[in-house]
N, C-alpha and C. Protein backbone atom coordinates (compact mmCIF):
# COMPACT_ATOMS: atom_id res chain seq x y z
N UNK A 1 -169.39 187.10 141.11
CA UNK A 1 -170.65 187.80 140.85
C UNK A 1 -170.77 188.98 141.78
N UNK A 2 -171.14 190.13 141.27
CA UNK A 2 -171.31 191.30 142.12
C UNK A 2 -172.60 191.21 142.91
N UNK A 3 -172.62 191.85 144.04
CA UNK A 3 -173.82 191.89 144.84
C UNK A 3 -174.84 192.83 144.23
N UNK A 4 -176.09 192.74 144.73
CA UNK A 4 -177.13 193.64 144.22
C UNK A 4 -176.72 195.08 144.41
N UNK A 5 -176.25 195.41 145.61
CA UNK A 5 -175.93 196.81 145.88
C UNK A 5 -174.79 197.29 145.02
N UNK A 6 -173.80 196.41 144.75
CA UNK A 6 -172.69 196.81 143.89
C UNK A 6 -173.17 197.02 142.47
N UNK A 7 -174.07 196.15 142.01
CA UNK A 7 -174.60 196.30 140.66
C UNK A 7 -175.40 197.59 140.54
N UNK A 8 -176.25 197.85 141.53
CA UNK A 8 -177.05 199.08 141.49
C UNK A 8 -176.16 200.30 141.50
N UNK A 9 -175.12 200.26 142.31
CA UNK A 9 -174.22 201.40 142.38
C UNK A 9 -173.49 201.60 141.07
N UNK A 10 -173.20 200.49 140.37
CA UNK A 10 -172.51 200.60 139.09
C UNK A 10 -173.38 201.22 138.02
N UNK A 11 -174.66 200.89 138.03
CA UNK A 11 -175.57 201.44 137.02
C UNK A 11 -176.02 202.84 137.37
N UNK A 12 -176.13 203.11 138.67
CA UNK A 12 -176.64 204.40 139.12
C UNK A 12 -175.73 204.92 140.24
N UNK A 13 -174.56 205.47 139.89
CA UNK A 13 -173.61 205.92 140.91
C UNK A 13 -174.24 206.88 141.91
N UNK A 14 -174.05 206.58 143.20
CA UNK A 14 -174.51 207.47 144.25
C UNK A 14 -176.00 207.50 144.48
N UNK A 15 -176.75 206.56 143.85
CA UNK A 15 -178.21 206.65 143.96
C UNK A 15 -178.83 205.45 144.68
N UNK A 16 -178.00 204.57 145.27
CA UNK A 16 -178.56 203.44 146.00
C UNK A 16 -179.20 203.92 147.30
N UNK A 17 -178.51 204.79 148.02
CA UNK A 17 -179.04 205.30 149.28
C UNK A 17 -180.29 206.16 149.10
N UNK A 18 -180.38 207.00 148.05
CA UNK A 18 -181.62 207.79 147.89
C UNK A 18 -182.88 206.96 147.81
N UNK A 19 -182.81 205.74 147.23
CA UNK A 19 -184.02 204.92 147.17
C UNK A 19 -184.47 204.53 148.57
N UNK A 20 -183.53 204.16 149.42
CA UNK A 20 -183.90 203.83 150.79
C UNK A 20 -184.59 204.99 151.50
N UNK A 21 -184.05 206.18 151.32
CA UNK A 21 -184.65 207.36 151.93
C UNK A 21 -186.02 207.66 151.32
N UNK A 22 -186.13 207.47 150.01
CA UNK A 22 -187.40 207.75 149.34
C UNK A 22 -188.48 206.76 149.79
N UNK A 23 -188.11 205.51 150.00
CA UNK A 23 -189.08 204.52 150.47
C UNK A 23 -189.62 204.90 151.84
N UNK A 24 -188.72 205.32 152.72
CA UNK A 24 -189.14 205.71 154.06
C UNK A 24 -190.02 206.97 154.02
N UNK A 25 -189.66 207.92 153.18
CA UNK A 25 -190.44 209.15 153.07
C UNK A 25 -191.81 208.87 152.49
N UNK A 26 -191.88 207.98 151.49
CA UNK A 26 -193.16 207.66 150.85
C UNK A 26 -194.13 207.04 151.84
N UNK A 27 -193.61 206.22 152.72
CA UNK A 27 -194.48 205.61 153.75
C UNK A 27 -195.04 206.68 154.68
N UNK A 28 -194.23 207.66 155.02
CA UNK A 28 -194.67 208.70 155.93
C UNK A 28 -195.64 209.69 155.32
N UNK A 29 -195.71 209.75 154.00
CA UNK A 29 -196.59 210.72 153.34
C UNK A 29 -198.07 210.39 153.53
N UNK A 30 -198.39 209.08 153.57
CA UNK A 30 -199.77 208.64 153.70
C UNK A 30 -200.65 209.22 152.59
N UNK A 31 -200.08 209.28 151.39
CA UNK A 31 -200.80 209.81 150.22
C UNK A 31 -200.36 209.00 149.01
N UNK A 32 -201.27 208.26 148.41
CA UNK A 32 -200.90 207.33 147.33
C UNK A 32 -200.30 208.05 146.13
N UNK A 33 -200.92 209.17 145.72
CA UNK A 33 -200.45 209.85 144.52
C UNK A 33 -199.08 210.50 144.73
N UNK A 34 -198.91 211.17 145.84
CA UNK A 34 -197.64 211.83 146.10
C UNK A 34 -196.53 210.79 146.32
N UNK A 35 -196.86 209.70 147.00
CA UNK A 35 -195.87 208.65 147.22
C UNK A 35 -195.42 208.05 145.89
N UNK A 36 -196.37 207.82 145.00
CA UNK A 36 -196.03 207.26 143.68
C UNK A 36 -195.16 208.24 142.90
N UNK A 37 -195.49 209.52 142.95
CA UNK A 37 -194.68 210.53 142.25
C UNK A 37 -193.25 210.57 142.78
N UNK A 38 -193.10 210.39 144.08
CA UNK A 38 -191.77 210.41 144.69
C UNK A 38 -190.92 209.24 144.22
N UNK A 39 -191.55 208.08 144.02
CA UNK A 39 -190.81 206.86 143.73
C UNK A 39 -190.68 206.54 142.25
N UNK A 40 -191.50 207.14 141.40
CA UNK A 40 -191.47 206.80 139.97
C UNK A 40 -190.13 207.02 139.30
N UNK A 41 -189.32 208.01 139.67
CA UNK A 41 -188.05 208.20 138.96
C UNK A 41 -187.06 207.06 139.12
N UNK A 42 -187.28 206.17 140.08
CA UNK A 42 -186.34 205.08 140.30
C UNK A 42 -186.64 203.92 139.35
N UNK A 43 -185.74 202.95 139.33
CA UNK A 43 -185.92 201.75 138.51
C UNK A 43 -185.90 200.53 139.42
N UNK A 44 -186.57 199.47 138.99
CA UNK A 44 -186.71 198.29 139.84
C UNK A 44 -185.36 197.70 140.24
N UNK A 45 -184.38 197.76 139.33
CA UNK A 45 -183.10 197.13 139.64
C UNK A 45 -182.30 197.87 140.71
N UNK A 46 -182.82 198.98 141.21
CA UNK A 46 -182.19 199.63 142.36
C UNK A 46 -182.65 199.00 143.67
N UNK A 47 -183.74 198.24 143.61
CA UNK A 47 -184.27 197.63 144.82
C UNK A 47 -183.37 196.46 145.26
N UNK A 48 -182.88 196.52 146.48
CA UNK A 48 -181.94 195.53 146.99
C UNK A 48 -182.47 194.93 148.29
N UNK A 49 -181.92 193.79 148.72
CA UNK A 49 -182.41 193.16 149.95
C UNK A 49 -182.51 194.07 151.16
N UNK A 50 -181.57 195.00 151.40
CA UNK A 50 -181.72 195.88 152.57
C UNK A 50 -182.95 196.77 152.51
N UNK A 51 -183.52 196.96 151.31
CA UNK A 51 -184.73 197.77 151.19
C UNK A 51 -185.98 196.99 151.57
N UNK A 52 -185.84 195.68 151.85
CA UNK A 52 -186.99 194.83 152.09
C UNK A 52 -187.98 195.35 153.12
N UNK A 53 -187.55 195.69 154.32
CA UNK A 53 -188.51 196.16 155.33
C UNK A 53 -189.25 197.43 154.91
N UNK A 54 -188.54 198.39 154.33
CA UNK A 54 -189.19 199.64 153.92
C UNK A 54 -190.17 199.40 152.78
N UNK A 55 -189.79 198.57 151.82
CA UNK A 55 -190.70 198.28 150.71
C UNK A 55 -191.91 197.49 151.20
N UNK A 56 -191.67 196.57 152.13
CA UNK A 56 -192.78 195.80 152.70
C UNK A 56 -193.77 196.70 153.41
N UNK A 57 -193.26 197.68 154.13
CA UNK A 57 -194.15 198.62 154.83
C UNK A 57 -195.01 199.39 153.84
N UNK A 58 -194.40 199.79 152.72
CA UNK A 58 -195.15 200.49 151.68
C UNK A 58 -196.24 199.60 151.09
N UNK A 59 -195.87 198.37 150.76
CA UNK A 59 -196.83 197.44 150.15
C UNK A 59 -198.00 197.19 151.09
N UNK A 60 -197.72 197.04 152.37
CA UNK A 60 -198.79 196.80 153.33
C UNK A 60 -199.67 198.03 153.51
N UNK A 61 -199.05 199.21 153.47
CA UNK A 61 -199.79 200.45 153.74
C UNK A 61 -200.65 200.88 152.56
N UNK A 62 -200.09 200.82 151.36
CA UNK A 62 -200.79 201.35 150.19
C UNK A 62 -201.56 200.28 149.40
N UNK A 63 -201.28 199.02 149.64
CA UNK A 63 -202.07 197.96 149.02
C UNK A 63 -201.50 197.41 147.72
N UNK A 64 -202.07 196.30 147.29
CA UNK A 64 -201.56 195.58 146.14
C UNK A 64 -201.68 196.32 144.83
N UNK A 65 -202.80 197.01 144.61
CA UNK A 65 -202.99 197.73 143.34
C UNK A 65 -201.95 198.82 143.18
N UNK A 66 -201.73 199.58 144.23
CA UNK A 66 -200.72 200.65 144.19
C UNK A 66 -199.32 200.06 143.97
N UNK A 67 -199.00 199.01 144.69
CA UNK A 67 -197.68 198.40 144.58
C UNK A 67 -197.45 197.84 143.18
N UNK A 68 -198.46 197.19 142.62
CA UNK A 68 -198.33 196.64 141.28
C UNK A 68 -198.11 197.74 140.25
N UNK A 69 -198.82 198.85 140.40
CA UNK A 69 -198.64 199.97 139.48
C UNK A 69 -197.24 200.54 139.55
N UNK A 70 -196.70 200.64 140.77
CA UNK A 70 -195.33 201.14 140.93
C UNK A 70 -194.32 200.19 140.29
N UNK A 71 -194.49 198.89 140.51
CA UNK A 71 -193.56 197.92 139.94
C UNK A 71 -193.60 197.93 138.42
N UNK A 72 -194.80 198.05 137.84
CA UNK A 72 -194.91 198.10 136.38
C UNK A 72 -194.24 199.36 135.84
N UNK A 73 -194.40 200.48 136.55
CA UNK A 73 -193.74 201.71 136.11
C UNK A 73 -192.23 201.57 136.18
N UNK A 74 -191.74 200.93 137.23
CA UNK A 74 -190.30 200.75 137.39
C UNK A 74 -189.68 199.88 136.31
N UNK A 75 -190.48 199.07 135.64
CA UNK A 75 -189.94 198.19 134.59
C UNK A 75 -190.19 198.72 133.18
N UNK A 76 -190.75 199.91 133.06
CA UNK A 76 -191.04 200.43 131.72
C UNK A 76 -189.78 200.66 130.91
N UNK A 77 -188.65 200.86 131.56
CA UNK A 77 -187.41 201.08 130.84
C UNK A 77 -186.75 199.80 130.36
N UNK A 78 -187.30 198.64 130.71
CA UNK A 78 -186.72 197.37 130.27
C UNK A 78 -187.18 197.11 128.85
N UNK A 79 -186.31 197.36 127.91
CA UNK A 79 -186.65 197.19 126.51
C UNK A 79 -185.70 196.19 125.86
N UNK A 80 -186.23 195.30 125.02
CA UNK A 80 -185.36 194.34 124.36
C UNK A 80 -184.36 195.02 123.44
N UNK A 81 -183.20 194.44 123.34
CA UNK A 81 -182.18 194.89 122.39
C UNK A 81 -181.58 193.66 121.72
N UNK A 82 -180.87 193.84 120.64
CA UNK A 82 -180.31 192.69 119.93
C UNK A 82 -179.12 192.13 120.70
N UNK A 83 -179.08 190.81 120.78
CA UNK A 83 -177.98 190.10 121.43
C UNK A 83 -177.70 190.59 122.83
N UNK A 84 -178.75 190.70 123.62
CA UNK A 84 -178.54 191.06 125.01
C UNK A 84 -179.78 191.70 125.61
N UNK A 85 -179.88 191.68 126.91
CA UNK A 85 -180.97 192.38 127.57
C UNK A 85 -180.53 193.83 127.72
N UNK A 86 -180.69 194.59 126.64
CA UNK A 86 -180.03 195.89 126.50
C UNK A 86 -180.24 196.80 127.70
N UNK A 87 -181.48 196.98 128.11
CA UNK A 87 -181.74 197.89 129.21
C UNK A 87 -182.29 197.16 130.43
N UNK A 88 -182.36 195.84 130.35
CA UNK A 88 -182.81 195.07 131.50
C UNK A 88 -181.61 194.68 132.35
N UNK A 89 -181.82 194.52 133.63
CA UNK A 89 -180.71 194.31 134.56
C UNK A 89 -180.29 192.84 134.63
N UNK A 90 -179.50 192.38 133.69
CA UNK A 90 -179.14 190.97 133.63
C UNK A 90 -178.51 190.49 134.93
N UNK A 91 -177.54 191.23 135.46
CA UNK A 91 -176.90 190.81 136.70
C UNK A 91 -177.85 190.90 137.88
N UNK A 92 -178.74 191.85 137.85
CA UNK A 92 -179.73 191.99 138.92
C UNK A 92 -180.63 190.76 138.97
N UNK A 93 -180.95 190.20 137.80
CA UNK A 93 -181.75 188.98 137.76
C UNK A 93 -181.06 187.85 138.53
N UNK A 94 -179.75 187.80 138.47
CA UNK A 94 -179.02 186.75 139.17
C UNK A 94 -179.26 186.81 140.67
N UNK A 95 -179.47 188.01 141.19
CA UNK A 95 -179.62 188.21 142.63
C UNK A 95 -181.07 188.23 143.09
N UNK A 96 -181.99 187.93 142.20
CA UNK A 96 -183.40 187.94 142.59
C UNK A 96 -183.72 187.02 143.77
N UNK A 97 -183.09 185.85 143.89
CA UNK A 97 -183.43 185.01 145.06
C UNK A 97 -183.22 185.72 146.39
N UNK A 98 -182.15 186.48 146.50
CA UNK A 98 -181.88 187.19 147.75
C UNK A 98 -182.90 188.30 148.00
N UNK A 99 -183.20 189.05 146.96
CA UNK A 99 -184.18 190.13 147.11
C UNK A 99 -185.53 189.57 147.51
N UNK A 100 -185.97 188.52 146.81
CA UNK A 100 -187.29 187.95 147.08
C UNK A 100 -187.34 187.29 148.46
N UNK A 101 -186.22 186.70 148.89
CA UNK A 101 -186.18 186.13 150.23
C UNK A 101 -186.32 187.23 151.28
N UNK A 102 -185.68 188.36 151.04
CA UNK A 102 -185.77 189.48 151.99
C UNK A 102 -187.20 190.03 152.05
N UNK A 103 -187.86 190.09 150.89
CA UNK A 103 -189.23 190.60 150.87
C UNK A 103 -190.21 189.61 151.48
N UNK A 104 -190.04 188.34 151.22
CA UNK A 104 -191.03 187.35 151.64
C UNK A 104 -191.03 187.12 153.14
N UNK A 105 -190.02 187.59 153.85
CA UNK A 105 -190.02 187.45 155.31
C UNK A 105 -190.79 188.57 156.00
N UNK A 106 -191.25 189.54 155.21
CA UNK A 106 -191.87 190.73 155.80
C UNK A 106 -193.39 190.69 155.83
N UNK A 107 -194.01 189.62 155.32
CA UNK A 107 -195.46 189.53 155.39
C UNK A 107 -196.10 189.28 154.04
N UNK A 108 -197.42 189.10 154.06
CA UNK A 108 -198.15 188.71 152.85
C UNK A 108 -198.06 189.74 151.74
N UNK A 109 -198.16 191.03 152.09
CA UNK A 109 -198.16 192.07 151.06
C UNK A 109 -196.83 192.10 150.31
N UNK A 110 -195.73 191.99 151.03
CA UNK A 110 -194.44 192.03 150.36
C UNK A 110 -194.14 190.72 149.64
N UNK A 111 -194.68 189.61 150.12
CA UNK A 111 -194.53 188.35 149.39
C UNK A 111 -195.25 188.43 148.05
N UNK A 112 -196.43 189.02 148.04
CA UNK A 112 -197.16 189.22 146.78
C UNK A 112 -196.37 190.12 145.84
N UNK A 113 -195.73 191.16 146.40
CA UNK A 113 -194.91 192.05 145.59
C UNK A 113 -193.71 191.30 145.02
N UNK A 114 -193.10 190.43 145.83
CA UNK A 114 -191.96 189.64 145.35
C UNK A 114 -192.38 188.75 144.19
N UNK A 115 -193.54 188.13 144.29
CA UNK A 115 -194.03 187.29 143.19
C UNK A 115 -194.24 188.14 141.93
N UNK A 116 -194.75 189.33 142.11
CA UNK A 116 -194.97 190.20 140.95
C UNK A 116 -193.65 190.61 140.32
N UNK A 117 -192.64 190.86 141.13
CA UNK A 117 -191.32 191.19 140.62
C UNK A 117 -190.77 190.04 139.77
N UNK A 118 -190.95 188.82 140.26
CA UNK A 118 -190.49 187.64 139.52
C UNK A 118 -191.25 187.50 138.20
N UNK A 119 -192.55 187.72 138.24
CA UNK A 119 -193.37 187.63 137.02
C UNK A 119 -192.92 188.65 135.98
N UNK A 120 -192.72 189.89 136.41
CA UNK A 120 -192.27 190.93 135.48
C UNK A 120 -190.89 190.61 134.92
N UNK A 121 -190.02 190.08 135.77
CA UNK A 121 -188.68 189.72 135.33
C UNK A 121 -188.73 188.62 134.28
N UNK A 122 -189.54 187.60 134.53
CA UNK A 122 -189.62 186.50 133.57
C UNK A 122 -190.25 186.96 132.26
N UNK A 123 -191.27 187.79 132.35
CA UNK A 123 -191.92 188.29 131.13
C UNK A 123 -190.92 189.02 130.25
N UNK A 124 -190.09 189.86 130.84
CA UNK A 124 -189.08 190.58 130.08
C UNK A 124 -188.06 189.61 129.50
N UNK A 125 -187.56 188.72 130.33
CA UNK A 125 -186.51 187.79 129.91
C UNK A 125 -187.01 186.88 128.78
N UNK A 126 -188.12 186.21 129.01
CA UNK A 126 -188.64 185.27 128.02
C UNK A 126 -189.12 185.97 126.77
N UNK A 127 -189.66 187.18 126.92
CA UNK A 127 -190.13 187.91 125.76
C UNK A 127 -189.04 188.21 124.76
N UNK A 128 -187.83 188.39 125.25
CA UNK A 128 -186.73 188.62 124.33
C UNK A 128 -186.07 187.33 123.87
N UNK A 129 -185.92 186.38 124.79
CA UNK A 129 -185.15 185.19 124.48
C UNK A 129 -185.92 184.21 123.60
N UNK A 130 -187.20 183.99 123.90
CA UNK A 130 -187.96 182.97 123.18
C UNK A 130 -187.93 183.14 121.66
N UNK A 131 -188.15 184.35 121.12
CA UNK A 131 -188.11 184.48 119.66
C UNK A 131 -186.72 184.23 119.07
N UNK A 132 -185.69 184.29 119.88
CA UNK A 132 -184.32 184.12 119.39
C UNK A 132 -183.86 182.67 119.44
N UNK A 133 -184.74 181.75 119.82
CA UNK A 133 -184.33 180.35 119.94
C UNK A 133 -184.45 179.57 118.64
N UNK A 134 -185.02 180.16 117.63
CA UNK A 134 -185.12 179.49 116.32
C UNK A 134 -183.87 179.77 115.49
N UNK A 135 -183.45 178.80 114.73
CA UNK A 135 -182.33 179.00 113.83
C UNK A 135 -181.08 178.27 114.27
N UNK A 136 -180.06 178.33 113.45
CA UNK A 136 -178.81 177.62 113.75
C UNK A 136 -178.07 178.25 114.92
N UNK A 137 -177.27 177.44 115.58
CA UNK A 137 -176.50 177.91 116.73
C UNK A 137 -175.13 178.38 116.27
N UNK A 138 -175.03 179.66 115.96
CA UNK A 138 -173.74 180.23 115.58
C UNK A 138 -172.91 180.49 116.85
N UNK A 139 -171.64 180.73 116.69
CA UNK A 139 -170.79 180.98 117.85
C UNK A 139 -171.23 182.24 118.58
N UNK A 140 -171.67 183.23 117.83
CA UNK A 140 -172.13 184.46 118.45
C UNK A 140 -173.38 184.23 119.28
N UNK A 141 -174.33 183.48 118.72
CA UNK A 141 -175.55 183.18 119.45
C UNK A 141 -175.25 182.31 120.68
N UNK A 142 -174.35 181.38 120.53
CA UNK A 142 -174.03 180.50 121.66
C UNK A 142 -173.43 181.31 122.82
N UNK A 143 -172.56 182.25 122.50
CA UNK A 143 -171.97 183.09 123.54
C UNK A 143 -173.04 183.93 124.23
N UNK A 144 -173.97 184.47 123.45
CA UNK A 144 -175.05 185.27 124.01
C UNK A 144 -175.93 184.44 124.93
N UNK A 145 -176.33 183.26 124.47
CA UNK A 145 -177.20 182.39 125.27
C UNK A 145 -176.50 181.89 126.53
N UNK A 146 -175.21 181.60 126.39
CA UNK A 146 -174.45 181.15 127.56
C UNK A 146 -174.42 182.23 128.64
N UNK A 147 -174.27 183.47 128.22
CA UNK A 147 -174.24 184.58 129.18
C UNK A 147 -175.58 184.77 129.88
N UNK A 148 -176.66 184.27 129.28
CA UNK A 148 -177.98 184.42 129.87
C UNK A 148 -178.32 183.30 130.85
N UNK A 149 -177.43 182.34 131.00
CA UNK A 149 -177.70 181.24 131.91
C UNK A 149 -177.87 181.68 133.35
N UNK A 150 -176.99 182.54 133.83
CA UNK A 150 -177.07 183.00 135.22
C UNK A 150 -178.32 183.84 135.49
N UNK A 151 -178.66 184.82 134.63
CA UNK A 151 -179.92 185.55 134.84
C UNK A 151 -181.15 184.63 134.83
N UNK A 152 -181.17 183.68 133.90
CA UNK A 152 -182.30 182.75 133.82
C UNK A 152 -182.39 181.91 135.09
N UNK A 153 -181.25 181.43 135.55
CA UNK A 153 -181.22 180.64 136.78
C UNK A 153 -181.69 181.44 137.98
N UNK A 154 -181.30 182.72 138.03
CA UNK A 154 -181.72 183.56 139.15
C UNK A 154 -183.22 183.74 139.21
N UNK A 155 -183.83 183.99 138.06
CA UNK A 155 -185.29 184.16 138.02
C UNK A 155 -185.99 182.88 138.44
N UNK A 156 -185.53 181.75 137.91
CA UNK A 156 -186.16 180.47 138.23
C UNK A 156 -186.01 180.14 139.71
N UNK A 157 -184.82 180.39 140.28
CA UNK A 157 -184.61 180.11 141.70
C UNK A 157 -185.52 180.97 142.57
N UNK A 158 -185.68 182.23 142.19
CA UNK A 158 -186.57 183.11 142.95
C UNK A 158 -188.01 182.62 142.85
N UNK A 159 -188.41 182.21 141.66
CA UNK A 159 -189.77 181.69 141.47
C UNK A 159 -190.00 180.44 142.30
N UNK A 160 -189.00 179.56 142.33
CA UNK A 160 -189.13 178.33 143.12
C UNK A 160 -189.25 178.66 144.60
N UNK A 161 -188.48 179.62 145.08
CA UNK A 161 -188.53 179.99 146.48
C UNK A 161 -189.87 180.56 146.90
N UNK A 162 -190.55 181.21 145.95
CA UNK A 162 -191.84 181.84 146.23
C UNK A 162 -193.02 180.97 145.87
N UNK A 163 -192.76 179.84 145.21
CA UNK A 163 -193.86 179.00 144.74
C UNK A 163 -194.63 179.64 143.61
N UNK A 164 -193.92 180.38 142.75
CA UNK A 164 -194.57 181.04 141.61
C UNK A 164 -194.74 180.02 140.48
N UNK A 165 -195.82 179.26 140.55
CA UNK A 165 -196.00 178.13 139.65
C UNK A 165 -196.13 178.56 138.18
N UNK A 166 -196.73 179.71 137.94
CA UNK A 166 -196.88 180.17 136.56
C UNK A 166 -195.54 180.42 135.90
N UNK A 167 -194.63 181.08 136.61
CA UNK A 167 -193.30 181.33 136.07
C UNK A 167 -192.55 180.02 135.86
N UNK A 168 -192.66 179.12 136.82
CA UNK A 168 -191.95 177.84 136.71
C UNK A 168 -192.47 177.03 135.53
N UNK A 169 -193.77 177.03 135.31
CA UNK A 169 -194.32 176.29 134.18
C UNK A 169 -193.88 176.92 132.86
N UNK A 170 -193.86 178.24 132.80
CA UNK A 170 -193.40 178.90 131.57
C UNK A 170 -191.92 178.64 131.32
N UNK A 171 -191.15 178.53 132.39
CA UNK A 171 -189.74 178.19 132.24
C UNK A 171 -189.58 176.78 131.69
N UNK A 172 -190.41 175.86 132.16
CA UNK A 172 -190.36 174.49 131.63
C UNK A 172 -190.71 174.47 130.15
N UNK A 173 -191.70 175.25 129.77
CA UNK A 173 -192.09 175.31 128.35
C UNK A 173 -190.94 175.84 127.50
N UNK A 174 -190.26 176.87 128.01
CA UNK A 174 -189.13 177.42 127.27
C UNK A 174 -188.02 176.39 127.14
N UNK A 175 -187.79 175.64 128.21
CA UNK A 175 -186.73 174.63 128.19
C UNK A 175 -187.04 173.49 127.22
N UNK A 176 -188.34 173.26 126.97
CA UNK A 176 -188.72 172.17 126.06
C UNK A 176 -188.72 172.61 124.60
N UNK A 177 -188.39 173.85 124.33
CA UNK A 177 -188.30 174.32 122.95
C UNK A 177 -187.24 173.51 122.20
N UNK A 178 -187.58 173.08 121.02
CA UNK A 178 -186.65 172.26 120.25
C UNK A 178 -185.53 173.11 119.65
N UNK A 179 -184.39 172.49 119.41
CA UNK A 179 -183.31 173.17 118.71
C UNK A 179 -182.06 173.35 119.56
N UNK A 180 -180.96 173.59 118.87
CA UNK A 180 -179.67 173.72 119.53
C UNK A 180 -179.59 174.98 120.39
N UNK A 181 -180.27 176.04 119.98
CA UNK A 181 -180.21 177.27 120.76
C UNK A 181 -180.87 177.08 122.12
N UNK A 182 -182.04 176.45 122.13
CA UNK A 182 -182.73 176.20 123.39
C UNK A 182 -181.90 175.29 124.29
N UNK A 183 -181.25 174.31 123.67
CA UNK A 183 -180.40 173.41 124.44
C UNK A 183 -179.23 174.17 125.06
N UNK A 184 -178.64 175.09 124.31
CA UNK A 184 -177.52 175.87 124.84
C UNK A 184 -177.95 176.70 126.04
N UNK A 185 -179.12 177.32 125.95
CA UNK A 185 -179.62 178.12 127.07
C UNK A 185 -179.92 177.24 128.27
N UNK A 186 -180.55 176.09 128.03
CA UNK A 186 -180.87 175.18 129.13
C UNK A 186 -179.62 174.71 129.85
N UNK A 187 -178.60 174.35 129.09
CA UNK A 187 -177.36 173.86 129.71
C UNK A 187 -176.66 174.99 130.48
N UNK A 188 -176.68 176.21 129.93
CA UNK A 188 -176.07 177.34 130.63
C UNK A 188 -176.82 177.64 131.93
N UNK A 189 -178.14 177.50 131.90
CA UNK A 189 -178.94 177.74 133.10
C UNK A 189 -178.64 176.69 134.17
N UNK A 190 -178.53 175.45 133.76
CA UNK A 190 -178.20 174.38 134.71
C UNK A 190 -176.82 174.58 135.32
N UNK A 191 -175.85 174.97 134.50
CA UNK A 191 -174.50 175.22 135.04
C UNK A 191 -174.51 176.38 136.03
N UNK A 192 -175.27 177.42 135.70
CA UNK A 192 -175.35 178.57 136.61
C UNK A 192 -176.01 178.18 137.93
N UNK A 193 -177.05 177.36 137.86
CA UNK A 193 -177.72 176.90 139.08
C UNK A 193 -176.78 176.07 139.93
N UNK A 194 -175.99 175.25 139.28
CA UNK A 194 -175.03 174.41 140.00
C UNK A 194 -173.95 175.26 140.69
N UNK A 195 -173.53 176.33 140.02
CA UNK A 195 -172.44 177.15 140.54
C UNK A 195 -172.89 178.29 141.44
N UNK A 196 -174.20 178.47 141.58
CA UNK A 196 -174.71 179.59 142.39
C UNK A 196 -174.32 179.42 143.84
N UNK A 197 -173.96 180.50 144.53
CA UNK A 197 -173.62 180.40 145.96
C UNK A 197 -174.80 179.86 146.75
N UNK A 198 -174.53 179.05 147.73
CA UNK A 198 -175.60 178.51 148.58
C UNK A 198 -176.03 179.57 149.57
N UNK A 199 -177.22 179.35 150.11
CA UNK A 199 -177.71 180.25 151.16
C UNK A 199 -178.27 181.55 150.66
N UNK A 200 -178.67 181.61 149.35
CA UNK A 200 -179.26 182.84 148.83
C UNK A 200 -180.62 183.08 149.47
């Protein structure tokens, strides 16, 4: 599995470091509107564990409403596609436990932001997957659902680490969906959780 930084670099060559610089600059601006304008061009999947302290400082300085607005803007490009999370960062979801752990050590404001990141991630993931769980389990569907096991496991692990009860309950509801497709996703998620590196 690639690291967060490797994944971000793969999707956005040469743009991992600019986010770190932009986060630091936004904190120094002390202006909510200008800071938001500076950061809006980025996407949430560029946020990596090393950005934790800088993002935490922003969340503490500008407040929850501002942070939530920025996170929602960063996820506007996550759009469902057929047979895959077309524009959503599937591999980035796998690394959510590390990102959220880095954020949650920085204080209450960044912990709240980490919970919001998990909520947005689950909303995107479940919004696409849940409608696709009805119907027969074809080989193509099984391969697609199997590939989603690791992203699903990552979101759930991050939610568990943060105590995000709403996400965990929604995950349980999804797992209880009847049918072979839901079973395939559940089994893939369990295998991914079993195989995930320890110490995330």
